[in-house]
């Protein structure tokens, strides 16, 4: 480990049309800078080398680093969109801003399929160790467990409509990025078996009235939209005039003319009377195709009646999001 106890770092993120947010990561000695999607929905650090002809740079070159150690353990993983990545497990010095971990286990990617093709190069999982394919403690938890952070948390500010200024704050909360005070909700189950950053939702709302059933809400910075069970998606969109399930069985469409008069859509979380509404600009993904008068909603059918909601950037861009490992909870405050 490097850096003294009580440290924190603010890492700027690039907003790619509200679809993906990514920032810089330094790898090796001397440091090589690559670009990373910081993902609360997974637990592995995955960095492509130039041997991966289907990946995008900036690439990491192991032969250029004096701190690289190849463990010669095969790595294979797949993602929700069907893409895959493969390579070997190694250890390296990994830094975000001024925060560094030496001998951090990660995957050096030498092959990939599907959508592992940018605009960022790699992926840093910020979920819990039990989900790690590498079987290694994730980078953030290494810092936190050794007492090197000012606070054992990280927080996201995700801008809207392509604006600049998004950031990941590690060990810190940036109070200039929200109004009011954060409200916190305990993780489920909130103990050593924790896998993802999930909390209980009492349901989605339309004009502040709950219109779906109770859900386990996984707050996932690596997912652009919001996915809920098919029956609950149908119950939500039944409130929007002209809305219907698209032919792909996943997206919902509605007349673009309805957007101006559409009610507010949001989430409720157990223990709070607050309705956490989604900004209309983040719910409406725009026209189905250029010139179309039909628009697409950012809440999709997950295809599974599992009472789980995958809550991605369409929600997080409306609410400053605090992932508090020290107290095993998630906090939200109104993003500016």
Protein backbone atom coordinates (compact mmCIF):
# COMPACT_ATOMS: atom_id res chain seq x y z
CA UNK A 1 0.00 0.00 0.00
CA UNK A 2 0.99 3.60 -0.53
CA UNK A 3 -0.23 6.91 0.79
CA UNK A 4 -0.94 7.83 4.36
CA UNK A 5 -4.05 7.06 6.36
CA UNK A 6 -6.88 9.54 5.83
CA UNK A 7 -6.38 9.86 2.09
CA UNK A 8 -8.97 10.41 -0.62
CA UNK A 9 -9.01 11.15 -4.33
CA UNK A 10 -11.41 12.73 -6.79
CA UNK A 11 -11.21 11.13 -10.25
CA UNK A 12 -12.82 12.97 -13.20
CA UNK A 13 -15.08 10.90 -15.45
CA UNK A 14 -15.93 11.36 -19.12
CA UNK A 15 -19.65 11.34 -19.93
CA UNK A 16 -20.27 9.50 -23.21
CA UNK A 17 -23.75 10.71 -24.21
CA UNK A 18 -25.16 9.62 -20.80
CA UNK A 19 -24.52 6.02 -21.91
CA UNK A 20 -21.14 5.36 -20.26
CA UNK A 21 -18.94 7.17 -17.76
CA UNK A 22 -15.22 6.38 -17.55
CA UNK A 23 -11.98 7.76 -16.10
CA UNK A 24 -8.24 7.21 -15.88
CA UNK A 25 -6.35 4.45 -14.09
CA UNK A 26 -2.57 4.09 -13.70
CA UNK A 27 -0.97 0.66 -13.95
CA UNK A 28 2.58 -0.50 -13.30
CA UNK A 29 6.04 0.98 -12.73
CA UNK A 30 6.53 3.40 -14.37
CA UNK A 31 2.83 4.18 -14.51
CA UNK A 32 0.90 3.47 -17.70
CA UNK A 33 -2.42 5.31 -17.98
CA UNK A 34 -5.48 3.54 -19.34
CA UNK A 35 -9.23 4.27 -19.25
CA UNK A 36 -11.66 2.42 -16.99
CA UNK A 37 -15.40 1.98 -16.49
CA UNK A 38 -15.82 2.04 -12.68
CA UNK A 39 -18.52 -0.57 -12.18
CA UNK A 40 -20.43 -1.17 -8.93
CA UNK A 41 -22.07 -4.22 -10.53
CA UNK A 42 -18.94 -6.38 -10.80
CA UNK A 43 -15.84 -7.15 -8.74
CA UNK A 44 -12.88 -7.76 -11.06
CA UNK A 45 -10.27 -5.36 -12.38
CA UNK A 46 -9.93 -6.12 -16.10
CA UNK A 47 -7.24 -4.38 -18.19
CA UNK A 48 -6.53 -5.22 -21.85
CA UNK A 49 -3.02 -5.68 -23.17
CA UNK A 50 -2.07 -5.06 -26.81
CA UNK A 51 -2.31 -8.83 -27.33
CA UNK A 52 -6.10 -8.37 -27.36
CA UNK A 53 -6.81 -7.53 -30.99
CA UNK A 54 -10.54 -7.11 -30.33
CA UNK A 55 -10.04 -4.64 -27.44
CA UNK A 56 -9.41 -0.90 -27.54
CA UNK A 57 -6.57 1.11 -26.00
CA UNK A 58 -4.91 2.67 -24.20
CA UNK A 59 -3.33 -0.76 -23.64
CA UNK A 60 -1.25 -1.99 -20.73
CA UNK A 61 2.14 -3.45 -21.67
CA UNK A 62 3.34 -5.90 -18.98
CA UNK A 63 6.86 -6.02 -20.39
CA UNK A 64 7.23 -2.28 -19.76
CA UNK A 65 6.58 -2.56 -16.00
CA UNK A 66 9.05 -3.63 -13.32
CA UNK A 67 6.23 -4.39 -10.84
CA UNK A 68 4.34 -6.87 -13.05
CA UNK A 69 3.98 -10.41 -11.69
CA UNK A 70 2.24 -13.05 -13.82
CA UNK A 71 0.48 -15.69 -11.69
CA UNK A 72 -0.11 -17.90 -14.76
CA UNK A 73 -3.73 -18.49 -13.73
CA UNK A 74 -6.30 -18.43 -16.54
CA UNK A 75 -9.08 -15.85 -16.37
CA UNK A 76 -12.45 -16.01 -18.13
CA UNK A 77 -15.58 -13.96 -17.52
CA UNK A 78 -18.81 -12.97 -19.25
CA UNK A 79 -21.09 -9.95 -18.91
CA UNK A 80 -24.83 -9.39 -18.95
CA UNK A 81 -24.77 -8.25 -22.58
CA UNK A 82 -23.16 -11.52 -23.68
CA UNK A 83 -19.65 -10.16 -24.19
CA UNK A 84 -16.68 -12.08 -22.75
CA UNK A 85 -13.08 -11.42 -21.73
CA UNK A 86 -10.21 -13.86 -21.20
CA UNK A 87 -6.56 -13.71 -20.19
CA UNK A 88 -4.41 -14.35 -17.12
CA UNK A 89 -4.41 -13.23 -13.49
CA UNK A 90 -1.45 -11.07 -12.46
CA UNK A 91 -0.51 -8.53 -9.79
CA UNK A 92 0.57 -4.93 -10.26
CA UNK A 93 0.69 -1.49 -8.70
CA UNK A 94 -2.71 0.07 -9.44
CA UNK A 95 -3.47 3.76 -8.84
CA UNK A 96 -6.49 6.03 -9.10
CA UNK A 97 -5.38 9.60 -8.61
CA UNK A 98 -3.10 9.66 -5.57
CA UNK A 99 -4.38 6.35 -4.15
CA UNK A 100 -2.29 3.24 -4.87
CA UNK A 101 -2.35 -0.48 -4.06
CA UNK A 102 0.75 -2.57 -4.72
CA UNK A 103 0.42 -6.25 -5.63
CA UNK A 104 -3.21 -5.77 -6.64
CA UNK A 105 -4.57 -8.85 -8.39
CA UNK A 106 -6.24 -8.17 -11.73
CA UNK A 107 -6.92 -9.75 -15.12
CA UNK A 108 -4.68 -9.00 -18.09
CA UNK A 109 -7.05 -9.42 -21.02
CA UNK A 110 -5.65 -11.03 -24.16
CA UNK A 111 -8.96 -11.87 -25.86
CA UNK A 112 -12.56 -10.69 -25.92
CA UNK A 113 -15.86 -11.04 -27.76
CA UNK A 114 -18.99 -8.94 -28.10
CA UNK A 115 -19.14 -5.42 -26.71
CA UNK A 116 -15.83 -5.28 -24.85
CA UNK A 117 -14.78 -2.63 -27.34
CA UNK A 118 -14.78 0.80 -25.75
CA UNK A 119 -14.87 3.71 -25.71
CA UNK A 120 -13.02 2.90 -22.48
CA UNK A 121 -10.30 0.27 -22.39
CA UNK A 122 -10.95 -1.67 -19.16
CA UNK A 123 -13.23 -2.20 -16.20
CA UNK A 124 -12.77 -1.84 -12.42
CA UNK A 125 -15.31 -3.77 -10.37
CA UNK A 126 -16.38 -1.98 -7.18
CA UNK A 127 -18.71 -4.71 -5.89
CA UNK A 128 -17.75 -7.18 -3.17
CA UNK A 129 -15.08 -9.89 -3.20
CA UNK A 130 -17.54 -12.80 -3.27
CA UNK A 131 -18.32 -11.94 -6.91
CA UNK A 132 -14.69 -11.74 -8.10
CA UNK A 133 -13.75 -14.27 -10.78
CA UNK A 134 -10.11 -13.65 -9.87
CA UNK A 135 -10.93 -14.64 -6.24
CA UNK A 136 -9.06 -11.48 -5.21
CA UNK A 137 -10.02 -8.62 -2.91
CA UNK A 138 -11.07 -5.71 -5.17
CA UNK A 139 -8.89 -2.59 -5.26
CA UNK A 140 -11.23 -0.32 -3.26
CA UNK A 141 -11.66 -2.87 -0.47
CA UNK A 142 -7.90 -3.35 -0.21
CA UNK A 143 -7.56 0.37 0.48
CA UNK A 144 -10.45 0.44 2.92
CA UNK A 145 -9.52 -2.70 4.85
CA UNK A 146 -6.02 -1.40 5.50
CA UNK A 147 -7.31 1.90 6.89
CA UNK A 148 -5.84 4.16 4.22
CA UNK A 149 -8.97 6.10 3.35
CA UNK A 150 -10.39 9.16 5.08
CA UNK A 151 -13.77 7.41 4.90
CA UNK A 152 -14.47 3.85 3.78
CA UNK A 153 -16.78 4.90 0.99
CA UNK A 154 -16.85 6.15 -2.57
CA UNK A 155 -19.39 8.32 -4.35
CA UNK A 156 -20.49 9.11 -7.89
CA UNK A 157 -21.63 12.31 -9.53
CA UNK A 158 -22.87 11.56 -13.06
CA UNK A 159 -23.78 14.54 -15.20
CA UNK A 160 -26.80 14.69 -17.50
CA UNK A 161 -27.21 15.35 -21.23
CA UNK A 162 -23.51 14.90 -21.98
CA UNK A 163 -22.31 17.68 -19.68
CA UNK A 164 -18.77 17.73 -18.30
CA UNK A 165 -17.98 17.44 -14.60
CA UNK A 166 -18.75 13.81 -13.72
CA UNK A 167 -16.53 12.34 -11.00
CA UNK A 168 -15.81 9.38 -8.79
CA UNK A 169 -14.78 10.44 -5.27
CA UNK A 170 -12.88 7.69 -3.42
CA UNK A 171 -12.83 8.08 0.35
CA UNK A 172 -14.86 11.27 0.04
CA UNK A 173 -18.22 12.93 -0.61
CA UNK A 174 -18.32 16.07 -2.77
CA UNK A 175 -21.04 18.24 -1.20
CA UNK A 176 -20.82 20.75 -4.06
CA UNK A 177 -22.44 18.17 -6.34
CA UNK A 178 -25.78 17.84 -4.54
CA UNK A 179 -28.39 19.74 -2.55
CA UNK A 180 -29.87 18.85 0.82
CA UNK A 181 -28.66 15.96 2.95
CA UNK A 182 -28.13 12.37 1.77
CA UNK A 183 -30.62 9.72 2.86
CA UNK A 184 -29.10 6.30 3.60
CA UNK A 185 -30.46 2.77 3.15
CA UNK A 186 -28.98 -0.46 4.53
CA UNK A 187 -27.53 -3.09 2.24
CA UNK A 188 -29.15 -6.50 1.87
CA UNK A 189 -28.09 -8.72 3.61
CA UNK A 190 -25.51 -6.28 5.00
CA UNK A 191 -23.01 -8.84 6.29
CA UNK A 192 -19.90 -10.79 5.22
CA UNK A 193 -21.85 -12.56 2.47
CA UNK A 194 -22.53 -9.27 0.64
CA UNK A 195 -22.04 -9.57 -3.12
CA UNK A 196 -23.55 -6.47 -4.76
CA UNK A 197 -24.62 -2.98 -3.69
CA UNK A 198 -28.33 -3.65 -3.16
CA UNK A 199 -31.10 -2.11 -1.07
CA UNK A 200 -34.85 -2.65 -0.71
CA UNK A 201 -37.26 -0.61 -2.83
CA UNK A 202 -40.94 -0.44 -1.93
CA UNK A 203 -41.62 -0.02 -5.64
CA UNK A 204 -41.51 2.37 -8.59
CA UNK A 205 -43.78 5.39 -8.63
CA UNK A 206 -45.78 7.34 -11.18
CA UNK A 207 -46.67 10.85 -10.01
CA UNK A 208 -45.54 9.83 -6.50
CA UNK A 209 -47.92 6.85 -6.29
CA UNK A 210 -46.35 3.38 -6.03
CA UNK A 211 -47.39 1.34 -9.09
CA UNK A 212 -45.18 -1.76 -8.84
CA UNK A 213 -44.30 -4.36 -6.23
CA UNK A 214 -41.44 -4.40 -3.74
CA UNK A 215 -38.01 -4.97 -5.31
CA UNK A 216 -34.41 -5.60 -4.42
CA UNK A 217 -32.64 -2.69 -6.13
CA UNK A 218 -29.05 -3.28 -7.26
CA UNK A 219 -27.39 0.11 -7.78
CA UNK A 220 -25.12 -0.48 -10.78
CA UNK A 221 -22.91 2.27 -12.20
CA UNK A 222 -21.85 -0.05 -15.03
CA UNK A 223 -25.39 -0.26 -16.46
CA UNK A 224 -26.77 2.59 -18.55
CA UNK A 225 -30.48 2.03 -18.04
CA UNK A 226 -32.87 0.47 -15.51
CA UNK A 227 -34.15 -3.12 -15.73
CA UNK A 228 -37.18 -4.41 -13.81
CA UNK A 229 -39.24 -7.64 -14.04
CA UNK A 230 -41.61 -7.88 -17.04
CA UNK A 231 -44.83 -7.74 -15.01
CA UNK A 232 -43.64 -4.69 -13.12
CA UNK A 233 -42.48 -2.93 -16.29
CA UNK A 234 -45.95 -3.52 -17.72
CA UNK A 235 -47.55 -2.09 -14.56
CA UNK A 236 -45.39 1.03 -14.76
CA UNK A 237 -45.90 1.73 -18.46
CA UNK A 238 -49.67 1.17 -18.14
CA UNK A 239 -49.70 4.70 -16.71
CA UNK A 240 -48.18 6.28 -19.82
CA UNK A 241 -50.67 6.95 -22.66
CA UNK A 242 -49.80 5.01 -25.79
CA UNK A 243 -46.89 3.10 -24.22
CA UNK A 244 -46.29 -0.44 -25.41
CA UNK A 245 -43.65 -3.16 -25.33
CA UNK A 246 -41.38 -2.96 -28.37
CA UNK A 247 -40.95 -5.98 -30.64
CA UNK A 248 -37.64 -6.89 -29.00
CA UNK A 249 -39.54 -7.77 -25.81
CA UNK A 250 -37.21 -5.61 -23.72
CA UNK A 251 -37.71 -1.91 -24.50
CA UNK A 252 -40.89 0.12 -24.07
CA UNK A 253 -41.90 2.80 -26.54
CA UNK A 254 -44.39 5.65 -26.29
CA UNK A 255 -45.49 8.64 -28.42
CA UNK A 256 -42.87 11.38 -28.17
CA UNK A 257 -45.76 13.83 -27.83
CA UNK A 258 -46.57 12.20 -24.46
CA UNK A 259 -43.21 13.24 -23.00
CA UNK A 260 -44.31 16.82 -22.28
CA UNK A 261 -47.29 15.76 -20.16
CA UNK A 262 -45.89 12.54 -18.71
CA UNK A 263 -45.95 12.15 -14.93
CA UNK A 264 -42.81 11.84 -12.83
CA UNK A 265 -41.31 8.35 -12.55
CA UNK A 266 -39.21 7.38 -9.55
CA UNK A 267 -38.27 4.90 -6.83
CA UNK A 268 -39.18 4.56 -3.19
CA UNK A 269 -36.81 2.91 -0.73
CA UNK A 270 -37.80 1.24 2.52
CA UNK A 271 -37.69 3.51 5.55
CA UNK A 272 -38.13 6.80 3.69
CA UNK A 273 -41.10 8.88 2.59
CA UNK A 274 -38.99 10.48 -0.15
CA UNK A 275 -39.77 9.67 -3.77
CA UNK A 276 -36.53 9.53 -5.74
CA UNK A 277 -37.72 10.78 -9.12
CA UNK A 278 -35.77 10.34 -12.33
CA UNK A 279 -35.07 13.46 -14.38
CA UNK A 280 -37.41 13.40 -17.44
CA UNK A 281 -34.40 13.93 -19.74
CA UNK A 282 -32.87 10.73 -18.34
CA UNK A 283 -36.04 8.66 -18.65
CA UNK A 284 -36.71 9.60 -22.28
CA UNK A 285 -33.94 8.05 -24.41
CA UNK A 286 -35.18 9.87 -27.50
CA UNK A 287 -36.67 8.83 -30.82
CA UNK A 288 -36.75 5.19 -31.86
CA UNK A 289 -35.00 6.26 -35.05
CA UNK A 290 -34.20 9.55 -36.71
CA UNK A 291 -37.39 11.40 -37.59
CA UNK A 292 -39.62 9.01 -35.66
CA UNK A 293 -42.43 10.33 -33.44
CA UNK A 294 -42.01 7.28 -31.17
CA UNK A 295 -39.66 7.51 -28.17
CA UNK A 296 -37.93 4.92 -25.97
CA UNK A 297 -38.03 4.69 -22.17
CA UNK A 298 -34.95 4.11 -20.02
CA UNK A 299 -36.77 1.52 -17.88
CA UNK A 300 -36.65 -1.86 -19.61
CA UNK A 301 -38.02 -5.35 -19.02
CA UNK A 302 -35.35 -7.61 -17.51
CA UNK A 303 -37.06 -10.73 -18.84
CA UNK A 304 -37.01 -12.35 -15.41
CA UNK A 305 -39.70 -12.36 -12.70
CA UNK A 306 -37.09 -12.30 -9.93
CA UNK A 307 -38.20 -9.15 -8.05
CA UNK A 308 -34.82 -7.58 -8.79
CA UNK A 309 -34.29 -4.11 -10.26
CA UNK A 310 -30.96 -3.28 -11.88
CA UNK A 311 -30.71 0.47 -11.35
CA UNK A 312 -28.12 2.11 -13.57
CA UNK A 313 -26.95 5.51 -14.73
CA UNK A 314 -30.40 6.74 -15.80
CA UNK A 315 -31.19 6.89 -12.08
CA UNK A 316 -27.72 7.73 -10.71
CA UNK A 317 -27.43 10.81 -12.94
CA UNK A 318 -30.43 12.24 -11.08
CA UNK A 319 -29.10 11.35 -7.61
CA UNK A 320 -25.64 11.76 -6.14
CA UNK A 321 -24.86 8.21 -5.00
CA UNK A 322 -22.75 7.24 -1.96
CA UNK A 323 -21.53 3.67 -1.52
CA UNK A 324 -20.67 3.46 2.17
CA UNK A 325 -18.68 0.29 2.94
CA UNK A 326 -17.91 1.43 6.48
CA UNK A 327 -21.61 1.41 7.38
CA UNK A 328 -22.84 -1.10 4.75
CA UNK A 329 -25.33 1.30 3.21
CA UNK A 330 -26.08 3.42 0.13
CA UNK A 331 -26.96 7.11 0.27
CA UNK A 332 -28.69 9.40 -2.24
CA UNK A 333 -28.91 13.17 -2.46
CA UNK A 334 -30.41 15.36 -5.19
CA UNK A 335 -27.71 15.87 -7.82
CA UNK A 336 -27.15 19.39 -9.09
